[in-house]
Amino acid sequence: MWIGFIEFDILLGDVHSLKAKRSVIRPLVSDLRRRFEVSAAEVDNQDLHRRAVVGAGLVAADRQHVVDVLDRVERYVAARPEVELLSARPRILSSED
């Protein structure tokens, strides 16, 4: 069994309130869940207006599948015009680790 997850450090554009931040982050998290069948959530910086850390994770039987999904998720987040991707930190673990 392979477990993969990725954390995105994101800078939000013209956001001046937590309500405006939610209007950007919620659709992003929903899209990740729906498009890539991963678990996704905002995992840090909830109290900052213009910064967010979003995490996505999955479990699969094949390591290459985990790598492919995490790569596609990263490209998708990087291509979103309403956010600036500052960093992406992927990690892949085996149940044998």
PDB file of N, CA and C in Angstrom:
ATOM      1  N   MET A   1       0.851  -1.172   0.000  1.00  0.00           N
ATOM      2  CA  MET A   1       0.000   0.000   0.000  1.00  0.00           C
ATOM      3  C   MET A   1       0.899   1.238   0.000  1.00  0.00           C
ATOM      4  N   TRP A   2       0.509   2.228  -0.809  1.00  0.00           N
ATOM      5  CA  TRP A   2       1.255   3.484  -0.926  1.00  0.00           C
ATOM      6  C   TRP A   2       0.371   4.639  -0.484  1.00  0.00           C
ATOM      7  N   ILE A   3       0.954   5.528   0.281  1.00  0.00           N
ATOM      8  CA  ILE A   3       0.261   6.709   0.776  1.00  0.00           C
ATOM      9  C   ILE A   3       1.004   7.926   0.231  1.00  0.00           C
ATOM     10  N   GLY A   4       0.280   8.809  -0.418  1.00  0.00           N
ATOM     11  CA  GLY A   4       0.896  10.019  -0.950  1.00  0.00           C
ATOM     12  C   GLY A   4       0.135  11.242  -0.492  1.00  0.00           C
ATOM     13  N   PHE A   5       0.872  12.287  -0.200  1.00  0.00           N
ATOM     14  CA  PHE A   5       0.218  13.552   0.132  1.00  0.00           C
ATOM     15  C   PHE A   5       1.094  14.701  -0.336  1.00  0.00           C
ATOM     16  N   ILE A   6       0.452  15.842  -0.491  1.00  0.00           N
ATOM     17  CA  ILE A   6       1.151  17.031  -0.947  1.00  0.00           C
ATOM     18  C   ILE A   6       0.567  18.232  -0.227  1.00  0.00           C
ATOM     19  N   GLU A   7       1.434  19.151   0.178  1.00  0.00           N
ATOM     20  CA  GLU A   7       1.011  20.393   0.804  1.00  0.00           C
ATOM     21  C   GLU A   7       1.378  21.552  -0.107  1.00  0.00           C
ATOM     22  N   PHE A   8       0.435  22.438  -0.298  1.00  0.00           N
ATOM     23  CA  PHE A   8       0.641  23.619  -1.127  1.00  0.00           C
ATOM     24  C   PHE A   8       0.639  24.859  -0.253  1.00  0.00           C
ATOM     25  N   ASP A   9       1.679  25.655  -0.344  1.00  0.00           N
ATOM     26  CA  ASP A   9       1.709  26.967   0.291  1.00  0.00           C
ATOM     27  C   ASP A   9       1.248  27.951  -0.773  1.00  0.00           C
ATOM     28  N   ILE A  10       0.137  28.610  -0.495  1.00  0.00           N
ATOM     29  CA  ILE A  10      -0.546  29.414  -1.509  1.00  0.00           C
ATOM     30  C   ILE A  10      -0.657  30.860  -1.048  1.00  0.00           C
ATOM     31  N   LEU A  11      -0.397  31.769  -1.975  1.00  0.00           N
ATOM     32  CA  LEU A  11      -0.641  33.193  -1.766  1.00  0.00           C
ATOM     33  C   LEU A  11      -1.886  33.553  -2.563  1.00  0.00           C
ATOM     34  N   LEU A  12      -2.845  34.161  -1.892  1.00  0.00           N
ATOM     35  CA  LEU A  12      -4.102  34.531  -2.547  1.00  0.00           C
ATOM     36  C   LEU A  12      -3.990  35.946  -3.085  1.00  0.00           C
ATOM     37  N   GLY A  13      -4.689  36.210  -4.166  1.00  0.00           N
ATOM     38  CA  GLY A  13      -4.628  37.506  -4.822  1.00  0.00           C
ATOM     39  C   GLY A  13      -5.321  38.595  -4.034  1.00  0.00           C
ATOM     40  N   ASP A  14      -6.316  39.189  -4.592  1.00  0.00           N
ATOM     41  CA  ASP A  14      -7.009  40.342  -4.019  1.00  0.00           C
ATOM     42  C   ASP A  14      -8.007  39.879  -2.959  1.00  0.00           C
ATOM     43  N   VAL A  15      -7.506  39.475  -1.807  1.00  0.00           N
ATOM     44  CA  VAL A  15      -8.333  38.975  -0.712  1.00  0.00           C
ATOM     45  C   VAL A  15      -8.079  39.844   0.515  1.00  0.00           C
ATOM     46  N   HIS A  16      -9.162  40.368   1.098  1.00  0.00           N
ATOM     47  CA  HIS A  16      -9.016  41.275   2.230  1.00  0.00           C
ATOM     48  C   HIS A  16      -9.807  40.830   3.457  1.00  0.00           C
ATOM     49  N   SER A  17     -10.378  39.641   3.412  1.00  0.00           N
ATOM     50  CA  SER A  17     -11.121  39.139   4.565  1.00  0.00           C
ATOM     51  C   SER A  17     -11.096  37.619   4.540  1.00  0.00           C
ATOM     52  N   LEU A  18     -11.417  37.032   5.682  1.00  0.00           N
ATOM     53  CA  LEU A  18     -11.483  35.572   5.746  1.00  0.00           C
ATOM     54  C   LEU A  18     -12.639  35.040   4.900  1.00  0.00           C
ATOM     55  N   LYS A  19     -13.704  35.821   4.797  1.00  0.00           N
ATOM     56  CA  LYS A  19     -14.842  35.416   3.954  1.00  0.00           C
ATOM     57  C   LYS A  19     -14.416  35.347   2.488  1.00  0.00           C
ATOM     58  N   ALA A  20     -13.662  36.320   2.031  1.00  0.00           N
ATOM     59  CA  ALA A  20     -13.162  36.308   0.655  1.00  0.00           C
ATOM     60  C   ALA A  20     -12.176  35.154   0.451  1.00  0.00           C
ATOM     61  N   LYS A  21     -11.381  34.878   1.472  1.00  0.00           N
ATOM     62  CA  LYS A  21     -10.455  33.753   1.391  1.00  0.00           C
ATOM     63  C   LYS A  21     -11.224  32.447   1.208  1.00  0.00           C
ATOM     64  N   ARG A  22     -12.265  32.254   1.997  1.00  0.00           N
ATOM     65  CA  ARG A  22     -13.093  31.038   1.877  1.00  0.00           C
ATOM     66  C   ARG A  22     -13.675  30.896   0.483  1.00  0.00           C
ATOM     67  N   SER A  23     -14.030  32.017  -0.138  1.00  0.00           N
ATOM     68  CA  SER A  23     -14.632  31.956  -1.475  1.00  0.00           C
ATOM     69  C   SER A  23     -13.627  31.498  -2.529  1.00  0.00           C
ATOM     70  N   VAL A  24     -12.348  31.545  -2.216  1.00  0.00           N
ATOM     71  CA  VAL A  24     -11.304  31.037  -3.116  1.00  0.00           C
ATOM     72  C   VAL A  24     -10.911  29.610  -2.740  1.00  0.00           C
ATOM     73  N   ILE A  25     -10.723  29.359  -1.450  1.00  0.00           N
ATOM     74  CA  ILE A  25     -10.207  28.068  -0.990  1.00  0.00           C
ATOM     75  C   ILE A  25     -11.255  26.955  -1.106  1.00  0.00           C
ATOM     76  N   ARG A  26     -12.500  27.234  -0.734  1.00  0.00           N
ATOM     77  CA  ARG A  26     -13.526  26.180  -0.798  1.00  0.00           C
ATOM     78  C   ARG A  26     -13.680  25.588  -2.199  1.00  0.00           C
ATOM     79  N   PRO A  27     -13.811  26.405  -3.244  1.00  0.00           N
ATOM     80  CA  PRO A  27     -13.920  25.810  -4.586  1.00  0.00           C
ATOM     81  C   PRO A  27     -12.663  25.029  -4.985  1.00  0.00           C
ATOM     82  N   LEU A  28     -11.495  25.513  -4.588  1.00  0.00           N
ATOM     83  CA  LEU A  28     -10.258  24.796  -4.905  1.00  0.00           C
ATOM     84  C   LEU A  28     -10.253  23.414  -4.260  1.00  0.00           C
ATOM     85  N   VAL A  29     -10.570  23.356  -2.979  1.00  0.00           N
ATOM     86  CA  VAL A  29     -10.594  22.081  -2.264  1.00  0.00           C
ATOM     87  C   VAL A  29     -11.657  21.148  -2.870  1.00  0.00           C
ATOM     88  N   SER A  30     -12.829  21.679  -3.171  1.00  0.00           N
ATOM     89  CA  SER A  30     -13.891  20.871  -3.782  1.00  0.00           C
ATOM     90  C   SER A  30     -13.479  20.324  -5.137  1.00  0.00           C
ATOM     91  N   ASP A  31     -12.835  21.162  -5.937  1.00  0.00           N
ATOM     92  CA  ASP A  31     -12.370  20.718  -7.257  1.00  0.00           C
ATOM     93  C   ASP A  31     -11.334  19.611  -7.142  1.00  0.00           C
ATOM     94  N   LEU A  32     -10.409  19.737  -6.193  1.00  0.00           N
ATOM     95  CA  LEU A  32      -9.399  18.689  -6.006  1.00  0.00           C
ATOM     96  C   LEU A  32     -10.061  17.373  -5.639  1.00  0.00           C
ATOM     97  N   ARG A  33     -11.011  17.412  -4.726  1.00  0.00           N
ATOM     98  CA  ARG A  33     -11.713  16.190  -4.313  1.00  0.00           C
ATOM     99  C   ARG A  33     -12.444  15.551  -5.487  1.00  0.00           C
ATOM    100  N   ARG A  34     -13.163  16.355  -6.241  1.00  0.00           N
ATOM    101  CA  ARG A  34     -13.999  15.845  -7.330  1.00  0.00           C
ATOM    102  C   ARG A  34     -13.174  15.383  -8.530  1.00  0.00           C
ATOM    103  N   ARG A  35     -12.231  16.190  -8.967  1.00  0.00           N
ATOM    104  CA  ARG A  35     -11.468  15.879 -10.186  1.00  0.00           C
ATOM    105  C   ARG A  35     -10.475  14.735 -10.012  1.00  0.00           C
ATOM    106  N   PHE A  36      -9.842  14.675  -8.832  1.00  0.00           N
ATOM    107  CA  PHE A  36      -8.729  13.738  -8.653  1.00  0.00           C
ATOM    108  C   PHE A  36      -9.011  12.637  -7.639  1.00  0.00           C
ATOM    109  N   GLU A  37     -10.192  12.655  -7.034  1.00  0.00           N
ATOM    110  CA  GLU A  37     -10.583  11.661  -6.038  1.00  0.00           C
ATOM    111  C   GLU A  37      -9.538  11.535  -4.926  1.00  0.00           C
ATOM    112  N   VAL A  38      -9.170  12.684  -4.365  1.00  0.00           N
ATOM    113  CA  VAL A  38      -8.229  12.748  -3.248  1.00  0.00           C
ATOM    114  C   VAL A  38      -8.959  13.354  -2.048  1.00  0.00           C
ATOM    115  N   SER A  39      -8.394  13.154  -0.893  1.00  0.00           N
ATOM    116  CA  SER A  39      -8.844  13.889   0.284  1.00  0.00           C
ATOM    117  C   SER A  39      -8.123  15.229   0.249  1.00  0.00           C
ATOM    118  N   ALA A  40      -8.835  16.304   0.541  1.00  0.00           N
ATOM    119  CA  ALA A  40      -8.221  17.627   0.467  1.00  0.00           C
ATOM    120  C   ALA A  40      -8.844  18.529   1.532  1.00  0.00           C
ATOM    121  N   ALA A  41      -8.018  19.436   2.059  1.00  0.00           N
ATOM    122  CA  ALA A  41      -8.497  20.381   3.072  1.00  0.00           C
ATOM    123  C   ALA A  41      -7.491  21.518   3.215  1.00  0.00           C
ATOM    124  N   GLU A  42      -7.984  22.633   3.759  1.00  0.00           N
ATOM    125  CA  GLU A  42      -7.071  23.693   4.187  1.00  0.00           C
ATOM    126  C   GLU A  42      -6.496  23.239   5.525  1.00  0.00           C
ATOM    127  N   VAL A  43      -5.182  23.166   5.625  1.00  0.00           N
ATOM    128  CA  VAL A  43      -4.568  22.542   6.796  1.00  0.00           C
ATOM    129  C   VAL A  43      -3.754  23.496   7.668  1.00  0.00           C
ATOM    130  N   ASP A  44      -3.537  24.715   7.228  1.00  0.00           N
ATOM    131  CA  ASP A  44      -2.771  25.661   8.045  1.00  0.00           C
ATOM    132  C   ASP A  44      -3.051  27.084   7.560  1.00  0.00           C
ATOM    133  N   ASN A  45      -2.646  28.060   8.371  1.00  0.00           N
ATOM    134  CA  ASN A  45      -2.821  29.486   8.091  1.00  0.00           C
ATOM    135  C   ASN A  45      -4.283  29.887   7.947  1.00  0.00           C
ATOM    136  N   GLN A  46      -5.165  29.226   8.678  1.00  0.00           N
ATOM    137  CA  GLN A  46      -6.593  29.549   8.576  1.00  0.00           C
ATOM    138  C   GLN A  46      -6.907  30.969   9.016  1.00  0.00           C
ATOM    139  N   ASP A  47      -6.073  31.556   9.856  1.00  0.00           N
ATOM    140  CA  ASP A  47      -6.364  32.891  10.365  1.00  0.00           C
ATOM    141  C   ASP A  47      -5.722  34.013   9.546  1.00  0.00           C
ATOM    142  N   LEU A  48      -4.976  33.683   8.509  1.00  0.00           N
ATOM    143  CA  LEU A  48      -4.361  34.694   7.644  1.00  0.00           C
ATOM    144  C   LEU A  48      -5.224  34.918   6.412  1.00  0.00           C
ATOM    145  N   HIS A  49      -5.362  36.165   5.989  1.00  0.00           N
ATOM    146  CA  HIS A  49      -6.238  36.497   4.861  1.00  0.00           C
ATOM    147  C   HIS A  49      -5.667  36.075   3.514  1.00  0.00           C
ATOM    148  N   ARG A  50      -4.386  36.293   3.315  1.00  0.00           N
ATOM    149  CA  ARG A  50      -3.823  36.109   1.970  1.00  0.00           C
ATOM    150  C   ARG A  50      -2.969  34.861   1.808  1.00  0.00           C
ATOM    151  N   ARG A  51      -2.846  34.060   2.851  1.00  0.00           N
ATOM    152  CA  ARG A  51      -2.030  32.840   2.782  1.00  0.00           C
ATOM    153  C   ARG A  51      -2.884  31.648   3.163  1.00  0.00           C
ATOM    154  N   ALA A  52      -2.581  30.511   2.556  1.00  0.00           N
ATOM    155  CA  ALA A  52      -3.267  29.266   2.896  1.00  0.00           C
ATOM    156  C   ALA A  52      -2.317  28.106   2.644  1.00  0.00           C
ATOM    157  N   VAL A  53      -2.502  27.067   3.412  1.00  0.00           N
ATOM    158  CA  VAL A  53      -1.824  25.808   3.150  1.00  0.00           C
ATOM    159  C   VAL A  53      -2.927  24.791   2.904  1.00  0.00           C
ATOM    160  N   VAL A  54      -2.914  24.209   1.710  1.00  0.00           N
ATOM    161  CA  VAL A  54      -3.905  23.207   1.324  1.00  0.00           C
ATOM    162  C   VAL A  54      -3.181  21.885   1.157  1.00  0.00           C
ATOM    163  N   GLY A  55      -3.776  20.842   1.719  1.00  0.00           N
ATOM    164  CA  GLY A  55      -3.192  19.514   1.609  1.00  0.00           C
ATOM    165  C   GLY A  55      -4.116  18.588   0.846  1.00  0.00           C
ATOM    166  N   ALA A  56      -3.516  17.636   0.121  1.00  0.00           N
ATOM    167  CA  ALA A  56      -4.281  16.611  -0.595  1.00  0.00           C
ATOM    168  C   ALA A  56      -3.561  15.286  -0.398  1.00  0.00           C
ATOM    169  N   GLY A  57      -4.327  14.214  -0.261  1.00  0.00           N
ATOM    170  CA  GLY A  57      -3.709  12.917  -0.042  1.00  0.00           C
ATOM    171  C   GLY A  57      -4.526  11.792  -0.649  1.00  0.00           C
ATOM    172  N   LEU A  58      -3.838  10.675  -0.881  1.00  0.00           N
ATOM    173  CA  LEU A  58      -4.510   9.497  -1.407  1.00  0.00           C
ATOM    174  C   LEU A  58      -3.760   8.238  -1.005  1.00  0.00           C
ATOM    175  N   VAL A  59      -4.459   7.129  -1.110  1.00  0.00           N
ATOM    176  CA  VAL A  59      -3.903   5.807  -0.842  1.00  0.00           C
ATOM    177  C   VAL A  59      -4.164   4.963  -2.079  1.00  0.00           C
ATOM    178  N   ALA A  60      -3.150   4.197  -2.493  1.00  0.00           N
ATOM    179  CA  ALA A  60      -3.298   3.349  -3.684  1.00  0.00           C
ATOM    180  C   ALA A  60      -2.406   2.117  -3.548  1.00  0.00           C
ATOM    181  N   ALA A  61      -2.676   1.148  -4.365  1.00  0.00           N
ATOM    182  CA  ALA A  61      -1.878  -0.079  -4.359  1.00  0.00           C
ATOM    183  C   ALA A  61      -0.592   0.077  -5.153  1.00  0.00           C
ATOM    184  N   ASP A  62      -0.559   1.040  -6.064  1.00  0.00           N
ATOM    185  CA  ASP A  62       0.562   1.209  -6.988  1.00  0.00           C
ATOM    186  C   ASP A  62       1.251   2.549  -6.744  1.00  0.00           C
ATOM    187  N   ARG A  63       2.559   2.533  -6.556  1.00  0.00           N
ATOM    188  CA  ARG A  63       3.313   3.763  -6.315  1.00  0.00           C
ATOM    189  C   ARG A  63       3.206   4.725  -7.486  1.00  0.00           C
ATOM    190  N   GLN A  64       3.285   4.219  -8.692  1.00  0.00           N
ATOM    191  CA  GLN A  64       3.249   5.089  -9.864  1.00  0.00           C
ATOM    192  C   GLN A  64       1.923   5.837  -9.969  1.00  0.00           C
ATOM    193  N   HIS A  65       0.839   5.197  -9.566  1.00  0.00           N
ATOM    194  CA  HIS A  65      -0.462   5.872  -9.572  1.00  0.00           C
ATOM    195  C   HIS A  65      -0.444   7.061  -8.608  1.00  0.00           C
ATOM    196  N   VAL A  66       0.130   6.874  -7.427  1.00  0.00           N
ATOM    197  CA  VAL A  66       0.232   7.960  -6.450  1.00  0.00           C
ATOM    198  C   VAL A  66       1.059   9.107  -7.026  1.00  0.00           C
ATOM    199  N   VAL A  67       2.191   8.792  -7.634  1.00  0.00           N
ATOM    200  CA  VAL A  67       3.057   9.811  -8.231  1.00  0.00           C
ATOM    201  C   VAL A  67       2.300  10.577  -9.317  1.00  0.00           C
ATOM    202  N   ASP A  68       1.607   9.860 -10.189  1.00  0.00           N
ATOM    203  CA  ASP A  68       0.866  10.501 -11.288  1.00  0.00           C
ATOM    204  C   ASP A  68      -0.224  11.430 -10.769  1.00  0.00           C
ATOM    205  N   VAL A  69      -0.979  10.981  -9.788  1.00  0.00           N
ATOM    206  CA  VAL A  69      -2.068  11.803  -9.253  1.00  0.00           C
ATOM    207  C   VAL A  69      -1.509  13.051  -8.578  1.00  0.00           C
ATOM    208  N   LEU A  70      -0.477  12.903  -7.766  1.00  0.00           N
ATOM    209  CA  LEU A  70       0.094  14.072  -7.102  1.00  0.00           C
ATOM    210  C   LEU A  70       0.670  15.068  -8.104  1.00  0.00           C
ATOM    211  N   ASP A  71       1.279  14.575  -9.178  1.00  0.00           N
ATOM    212  CA  ASP A  71       1.787  15.475 -10.225  1.00  0.00           C
ATOM    213  C   ASP A  71       0.649  16.244 -10.894  1.00  0.00           C
ATOM    214  N   ARG A  72      -0.443  15.541 -11.204  1.00  0.00           N
ATOM    215  CA  ARG A  72      -1.585  16.212 -11.846  1.00  0.00           C
ATOM    216  C   ARG A  72      -2.222  17.234 -10.916  1.00  0.00           C
ATOM    217  N   VAL A  73      -2.319  16.894  -9.628  1.00  0.00           N
ATOM    218  CA  VAL A  73      -2.880  17.823  -8.644  1.00  0.00           C
ATOM    219  C   VAL A  73      -2.004  19.075  -8.562  1.00  0.00           C
ATOM    220  N   GLU A  74      -0.695  18.890  -8.533  1.00  0.00           N
ATOM    221  CA  GLU A  74       0.207  20.046  -8.456  1.00  0.00           C
ATOM    222  C   GLU A  74       0.076  20.934  -9.692  1.00  0.00           C
ATOM    223  N   ARG A  75       0.028  20.352 -10.868  1.00  0.00           N
ATOM    224  CA  ARG A  75      -0.135  21.152 -12.095  1.00  0.00           C
ATOM    225  C   ARG A  75      -1.460  21.907 -12.083  1.00  0.00           C
ATOM    226  N   TYR A  76      -2.506  21.265 -11.578  1.00  0.00           N
ATOM    227  CA  TYR A  76      -3.820  21.904 -11.520  1.00  0.00           C
ATOM    228  C   TYR A  76      -3.803  23.119 -10.596  1.00  0.00           C
ATOM    229  N   VAL A  77      -3.226  22.969  -9.412  1.00  0.00           N
ATOM    230  CA  VAL A  77      -3.174  24.082  -8.466  1.00  0.00           C
ATOM    231  C   VAL A  77      -2.300  25.203  -9.027  1.00  0.00           C
ATOM    232  N   ALA A  78      -1.180  24.860  -9.638  1.00  0.00           N
ATOM    233  CA  ALA A  78      -0.273  25.877 -10.196  1.00  0.00           C
ATOM    234  C   ALA A  78      -0.940  26.660 -11.324  1.00  0.00           C
ATOM    235  N   ALA A  79      -1.878  26.053 -12.021  1.00  0.00           N
ATOM    236  CA  ALA A  79      -2.531  26.709 -13.154  1.00  0.00           C
ATOM    237  C   ALA A  79      -3.724  27.578 -12.743  1.00  0.00           C
ATOM    238  N   ARG A  80      -4.144  27.504 -11.482  1.00  0.00           N
ATOM    239  CA  ARG A  80      -5.291  28.304 -11.043  1.00  0.00           C
ATOM    240  C   ARG A  80      -4.920  29.789 -11.056  1.00  0.00           C
ATOM    241  N   PRO A  81      -5.668  30.634 -11.760  1.00  0.00           N
ATOM    242  CA  PRO A  81      -5.295  32.047 -11.874  1.00  0.00           C
ATOM    243  C   PRO A  81      -5.514  32.855 -10.593  1.00  0.00           C
ATOM    244  N   GLU A  82      -6.398  32.391  -9.709  1.00  0.00           N
ATOM    245  CA  GLU A  82      -6.711  33.173  -8.513  1.00  0.00           C
ATOM    246  C   GLU A  82      -5.734  32.935  -7.356  1.00  0.00           C
ATOM    247  N   VAL A  83      -4.800  32.008  -7.540  1.00  0.00           N
ATOM    248  CA  VAL A  83      -3.810  31.746  -6.491  1.00  0.00           C
ATOM    249  C   VAL A  83      -2.410  31.736  -7.083  1.00  0.00           C
ATOM    250  N   GLU A  84      -1.435  32.041  -6.221  1.00  0.00           N
ATOM    251  CA  GLU A  84      -0.037  31.921  -6.611  1.00  0.00           C
ATOM    252  C   GLU A  84       0.571  30.816  -5.766  1.00  0.00           C
ATOM    253  N   LEU A  85       1.050  29.786  -6.423  1.00  0.00           N
ATOM    254  CA  LEU A  85       1.641  28.656  -5.731  1.00  0.00           C
ATOM    255  C   LEU A  85       3.066  29.019  -5.318  1.00  0.00           C
ATOM    256  N   LEU A  86       3.310  29.130  -4.012  1.00  0.00           N
ATOM    257  CA  LEU A  86       4.626  29.477  -3.505  1.00  0.00           C
ATOM    258  C   LEU A  86       5.511  28.245  -3.383  1.00  0.00           C
ATOM    259  N   SER A  87       4.917  27.128  -2.936  1.00  0.00           N
ATOM    260  CA  SER A  87       5.685  25.887  -2.852  1.00  0.00           C
ATOM    261  C   SER A  87       4.735  24.701  -2.796  1.00  0.00           C
ATOM    262  N   ALA A  88       5.250  23.565  -3.218  1.00  0.00           N
ATOM    263  CA  ALA A  88       4.532  22.297  -3.148  1.00  0.00           C
ATOM    264  C   ALA A  88       5.476  21.281  -2.532  1.00  0.00           C
ATOM    265  N   ARG A  89       4.986  20.593  -1.503  1.00  0.00           N
ATOM    266  CA  ARG A  89       5.822  19.617  -0.800  1.00  0.00           C
ATOM    267  C   ARG A  89       5.154  18.252  -0.854  1.00  0.00           C
ATOM    268  N   PRO A  90       5.519  17.421  -1.847  1.00  0.00           N
ATOM    269  CA  PRO A  90       4.937  16.082  -1.924  1.00  0.00           C
ATOM    270  C   PRO A  90       5.704  15.092  -1.045  1.00  0.00           C
ATOM    271  N   ARG A  91       5.028  14.050  -0.642  1.00  0.00           N
ATOM    272  CA  ARG A  91       5.641  12.988   0.154  1.00  0.00           C
ATOM    273  C   ARG A  91       4.948  11.685  -0.191  1.00  0.00           C
ATOM    274  N   ILE A  92       5.698  10.631  -0.386  1.00  0.00           N
ATOM    275  CA  ILE A  92       5.137   9.318  -0.695  1.00  0.00           C
ATOM    276  C   ILE A  92       5.729   8.317   0.284  1.00  0.00           C
ATOM    277  N   LEU A  93       4.850   7.549   0.911  1.00  0.00           N
ATOM    278  CA  LEU A  93       5.262   6.551   1.893  1.00  0.00           C
ATOM    279  C   LEU A  93       4.696   5.188   1.508  1.00  0.00           C
ATOM    280  N   SER A  94       5.388   4.164   1.923  1.00  0.00           N
ATOM    281  CA  SER A  94       4.918   2.791   1.764  1.00  0.00           C
ATOM    282  C   SER A  94       4.426   2.296   3.110  1.00  0.00           C
ATOM    283  N   SER A  95       3.494   1.372   3.101  1.00  0.00           N
ATOM    284  CA  SER A  95       3.040   0.798   4.372  1.00  0.00           C
ATOM    285  C   SER A  95       4.163   0.019   5.040  1.00  0.00           C
ATOM    286  N   GLU A  96       5.212  -0.273   4.308  1.00  0.00           N
ATOM    287  CA  GLU A  96       6.377  -0.970   4.844  1.00  0.00           C
ATOM    288  C   GLU A  96       7.319  -0.031   5.593  1.00  0.00           C
ATOM    289  N   ASP A  97       7.149   1.287   5.425  1.00  0.00           N
ATOM    290  CA  ASP A  97       8.031   2.276   6.084  1.00  0.00           C
ATOM    291  C   ASP A  97       7.836   2.280   7.576  1.00  0.00           C
TER     292      ASP A  97
END
